[in-house]
Amino acid sequence: MRTLRLMLRRAALLGVLAVCVIHSAPCPDTHRVPVKLFNDAAVSKRLLNSAAGDAAWILKSACVEIVWIACLPVSRSNLSPCAAPVGSLELHVLPGPVSNDFHGDTMGIAMPYLDAGDRAAVFLSRVRATAARDPELAGVDDIMGCVMAHEIGHLLLHSSSHSSEGIMRADFRQSDLMKGVQRLLVFTPAERETIQSNLRDRGTVPNSISHGYQLDP
């Protein structure tokens, strides 16, 4: 049942080597970006850690180091704001879309123009549905990691537009999911330049929160 997915994972090393060639130009700067992560869908720690790790790896192709800050979802029993540096991005893992206005294949949303700060969300039900269509190709964690990186990419690019190739495609084809498993679905050089330009004026992340969200080894 999982033969194809296992073969793709075994090819990951080749994918990493290929990415090293693609990204042969060194990063002029590596910007550390804090992201408040809200697990509203109450997914397992293992799944969330795996997806967050994949997303962070993808964002390294844009010379970005993500600093995850675990935040408790807002509820009647928790009305306290999540402590994070000013200007932190905000990412929610939601059970599903909050309305019926989203296209059937939409797996997330980004709102880079909100006055209250840049916010994005991943729709768990849509991610699971995509994974269920071809479970041998990519798992929920693989797809969720790509969607997390995609939505954070919108926030860093200050744009809701999409590209024809790479992680910022509007929709993920089967070939894109295969690249995602092999860690070949990344930002284009042009997107990297734009993100770097947008981040040059941002402040640095304090060392005290550099491990605000501890990923499992």
Protein backbone atom coordinates (compact mmCIF):
# COMPACT_ATOMS: atom_id res chain seq x y z
CA MET A 1 0.00 0.00 0.00
CA ARG A 2 2.79 2.46 0.84
CA THR A 3 5.42 1.23 -1.64
CA LEU A 4 5.45 4.36 -3.81
CA ARG A 5 5.64 6.72 -0.85
CA LEU A 6 8.52 4.73 0.65
CA MET A 7 10.39 4.84 -2.64
CA LEU A 8 9.95 8.60 -2.79
CA ARG A 9 11.20 9.01 0.73
CA ARG A 10 14.26 6.90 -0.09
CA ALA A 11 14.89 9.27 -2.98
CA ALA A 12 14.86 12.24 -0.60
CA LEU A 13 18.64 12.27 -0.39
CA LEU A 14 18.86 12.70 -4.15
CA GLY A 15 16.29 15.48 -3.81
CA VAL A 16 18.38 17.26 -1.22
CA LEU A 17 21.44 17.02 -3.46
CA ALA A 18 19.45 18.42 -6.36
CA VAL A 19 18.18 21.31 -4.23
CA CYS A 20 21.76 22.07 -3.21
CA VAL A 21 22.58 22.48 -6.91
CA ILE A 22 19.49 24.57 -7.57
CA HIS A 23 20.29 26.83 -4.64
CA SER A 24 24.01 27.01 -5.29
CA ALA A 25 23.98 30.76 -4.75
CA PRO A 26 24.66 31.35 -1.05
CA CYS A 27 22.13 33.21 1.07
CA PRO A 28 23.28 36.84 1.48
CA ASP A 29 21.44 36.85 4.79
CA THR A 30 19.36 34.34 6.71
CA HIS A 31 16.41 36.04 8.35
CA ARG A 32 14.83 34.52 11.43
CA VAL A 33 11.06 34.93 11.31
CA PRO A 34 8.85 34.23 14.36
CA VAL A 35 5.57 32.44 13.61
CA LYS A 36 2.86 31.95 16.21
CA LEU A 37 1.47 28.45 15.66
CA PHE A 38 -2.08 27.72 16.84
CA ASN A 39 -3.18 24.08 16.81
CA ASP A 40 -6.91 24.82 16.67
CA ALA A 41 -7.63 21.42 15.11
CA ALA A 42 -5.89 19.59 17.97
CA VAL A 43 -3.81 17.44 15.64
CA SER A 44 -1.30 15.08 17.21
CA LYS A 45 2.09 16.39 18.28
CA ARG A 46 3.77 13.95 15.93
CA LEU A 47 1.82 15.17 12.91
CA LEU A 48 2.26 18.83 13.77
CA ASN A 49 5.99 18.45 14.40
CA SER A 50 6.50 16.61 11.13
CA ALA A 51 4.55 19.18 9.10
CA ALA A 52 6.21 22.14 10.84
CA GLY A 53 9.62 20.61 10.21
CA ASP A 54 8.87 20.19 6.50
CA ALA A 55 7.56 23.76 6.25
CA ALA A 56 10.65 25.16 7.96
CA TRP A 57 12.89 23.21 5.59
CA ILE A 58 11.04 24.55 2.53
CA LEU A 59 11.34 28.12 3.80
CA LYS A 60 15.10 27.71 4.07
CA SER A 61 15.10 27.79 0.27
CA ALA A 62 14.10 31.46 0.68
CA CYS A 63 16.92 32.01 3.22
CA VAL A 64 14.37 32.13 6.05
CA GLU A 65 14.75 30.44 9.42
CA ILE A 66 11.37 29.91 11.03
CA VAL A 67 11.08 30.31 14.80
CA TRP A 68 7.93 28.45 15.83
CA ILE A 69 6.12 29.78 18.88
CA ALA A 70 3.53 27.36 20.24
CA CYS A 71 0.33 29.19 21.15
CA LEU A 72 -2.81 27.95 22.85
CA PRO A 73 -5.98 28.45 20.79
CA VAL A 74 -8.20 31.22 22.08
CA SER A 75 -11.17 29.89 24.02
CA ARG A 76 -13.39 30.77 26.96
CA SER A 77 -10.83 29.19 29.25
CA ASN A 78 -7.91 30.90 27.52
CA LEU A 79 -8.34 34.56 26.65
CA SER A 80 -4.71 35.52 27.16
CA PRO A 81 -2.82 36.66 24.05
CA CYS A 82 0.12 34.59 22.91
CA ALA A 83 3.42 36.19 23.93
CA ALA A 84 5.55 36.80 20.84
CA PRO A 85 7.76 39.52 19.34
CA VAL A 86 6.08 42.44 17.61
CA GLY A 87 5.57 41.66 13.95
CA SER A 88 5.32 37.89 14.38
CA LEU A 89 3.38 36.03 11.73
CA GLU A 90 0.36 33.98 12.79
CA LEU A 91 -0.55 30.53 11.49
CA HIS A 92 -3.61 28.49 12.50
CA VAL A 93 -4.27 24.81 11.81
CA LEU A 94 -8.07 24.83 11.54
CA PRO A 95 -10.37 21.77 11.38
CA GLY A 96 -11.74 23.07 8.07
CA PRO A 97 -12.75 26.20 6.16
CA VAL A 98 -14.70 28.72 8.23
CA SER A 99 -17.21 29.30 5.40
CA ASN A 100 -18.43 27.79 2.15
CA ASP A 101 -16.80 30.53 0.09
CA PHE A 102 -13.62 28.56 -0.57
CA HIS A 103 -13.00 26.49 -3.68
CA GLY A 104 -13.20 22.76 -3.11
CA ASP A 105 -9.44 22.27 -3.53
CA THR A 106 -8.39 25.19 -1.34
CA MET A 107 -6.28 23.89 1.55
CA GLY A 108 -5.43 27.18 3.24
CA ILE A 109 -5.68 30.93 3.27
CA ALA A 110 -3.31 33.85 3.84
CA MET A 111 -4.22 37.41 4.76
CA PRO A 112 -1.07 39.51 4.34
CA TYR A 113 -2.90 42.82 4.47
CA LEU A 114 -4.68 42.66 7.84
CA ASP A 115 -3.99 45.71 10.00
CA ALA A 116 -3.73 43.49 13.08
CA GLY A 117 -0.85 41.53 11.53
CA ASP A 118 -0.12 38.89 8.93
CA ARG A 119 -2.29 35.81 9.45
CA ALA A 120 -2.72 32.51 7.66
CA ALA A 121 -4.48 29.20 8.16
CA VAL A 122 -4.35 25.59 7.00
CA PHE A 123 -7.56 23.61 6.57
CA LEU A 124 -6.97 20.13 8.02
CA SER A 125 -10.05 18.53 6.43
CA ARG A 126 -8.95 19.64 2.96
CA VAL A 127 -5.40 18.40 3.56
CA ARG A 128 -6.71 15.00 4.67
CA ALA A 129 -9.00 14.82 1.63
CA THR A 130 -6.08 15.53 -0.70
CA ALA A 131 -3.93 12.90 0.99
CA ALA A 132 -6.78 10.35 0.82
CA ARG A 133 -6.99 10.65 -2.97
CA ASP A 134 -3.55 9.05 -3.32
CA PRO A 135 -2.33 7.79 0.07
CA GLU A 136 0.70 6.07 -1.45
CA LEU A 137 2.01 9.32 -2.89
CA ALA A 138 2.01 11.73 0.04
CA GLY A 139 0.87 11.67 3.65
CA VAL A 140 -1.09 14.24 5.61
CA ASP A 141 2.09 15.56 7.22
CA ASP A 142 3.82 15.93 3.84
CA ILE A 143 0.96 17.90 2.35
CA MET A 144 0.34 19.96 5.48
CA GLY A 145 4.00 21.01 5.56
CA CYS A 146 3.77 22.21 1.96
CA VAL A 147 0.56 24.13 2.64
CA MET A 148 2.05 25.74 5.76
CA ALA A 149 5.09 26.89 3.77
CA HIS A 150 2.85 28.10 0.93
CA GLU A 151 0.66 30.25 3.18
CA ILE A 152 3.65 31.67 5.09
CA GLY A 153 5.14 32.40 1.68
CA HIS A 154 2.18 34.63 0.85
CA LEU A 155 2.78 36.57 4.07
CA LEU A 156 6.50 36.97 3.38
CA LEU A 157 5.93 37.92 -0.26
CA HIS A 158 3.28 40.48 0.79
CA SER A 159 1.13 39.12 -1.99
CA SER A 160 -1.80 36.81 -2.64
CA SER A 161 -0.62 35.98 -6.17
CA HIS A 162 0.70 32.59 -7.30
CA SER A 163 3.43 31.27 -9.56
CA SER A 164 3.42 28.64 -12.29
CA GLU A 165 6.02 26.44 -10.58
CA GLY A 166 7.32 25.66 -7.12
CA ILE A 167 5.78 25.93 -3.68
CA MET A 168 3.73 29.02 -4.61
CA ARG A 169 1.58 27.29 -7.24
CA ALA A 170 -2.13 27.93 -6.80
CA ASP A 171 -2.81 24.19 -6.71
CA PHE A 172 -0.60 21.18 -6.16
CA ARG A 173 -0.53 18.66 -9.00
CA GLN A 174 0.43 15.04 -8.45
CA SER A 175 3.93 15.90 -9.66
CA ASP A 176 4.11 18.71 -7.10
CA LEU A 177 3.13 16.36 -4.27
CA MET A 178 5.84 13.98 -5.44
CA LYS A 179 8.36 16.84 -5.33
CA GLY A 180 7.10 17.76 -1.88
CA VAL A 181 7.84 14.28 -0.53
CA GLN A 182 11.31 14.48 -2.09
CA ARG A 183 11.83 18.02 -0.71
CA LEU A 184 12.08 19.49 -4.20
CA LEU A 185 9.03 21.77 -3.95
CA VAL A 186 10.67 25.06 -2.99
CA PHE A 187 10.68 28.81 -3.63
CA THR A 188 11.97 30.13 -6.96
CA PRO A 189 15.06 32.38 -7.05
CA ALA A 190 12.84 35.37 -7.88
CA GLU A 191 10.59 34.65 -4.90
CA ARG A 192 13.64 34.32 -2.68
CA GLU A 193 14.87 37.75 -3.78
CA THR A 194 11.48 39.31 -3.09
CA ILE A 195 11.22 37.73 0.35
CA GLN A 196 14.75 38.82 1.23
CA SER A 197 14.00 42.36 0.13
CA ASN A 198 10.81 42.44 2.20
CA LEU A 199 12.62 41.14 5.28
CA ARG A 200 15.61 43.48 5.27
CA ASP A 201 13.74 46.08 7.28
CA ARG A 202 12.37 43.63 9.83
CA GLY A 203 13.91 43.31 13.30
CA THR A 204 15.81 40.22 14.42
CA VAL A 205 14.35 37.54 16.66
CA PRO A 206 15.68 37.50 20.24
CA ASN A 207 17.82 34.45 21.04
CA SER A 208 15.64 33.77 24.08
CA ILE A 209 12.80 32.46 21.86
CA SER A 210 14.89 30.76 19.21
CA HIS A 211 13.47 27.41 20.32
CA GLY A 212 10.00 28.53 21.30
CA TYR A 213 8.47 25.47 19.62
CA GLN A 214 10.58 22.37 20.09
CA LEU A 215 10.42 19.97 17.16
CA ASP A 216 10.96 16.30 17.83
CA PRO A 217 14.29 14.97 16.48
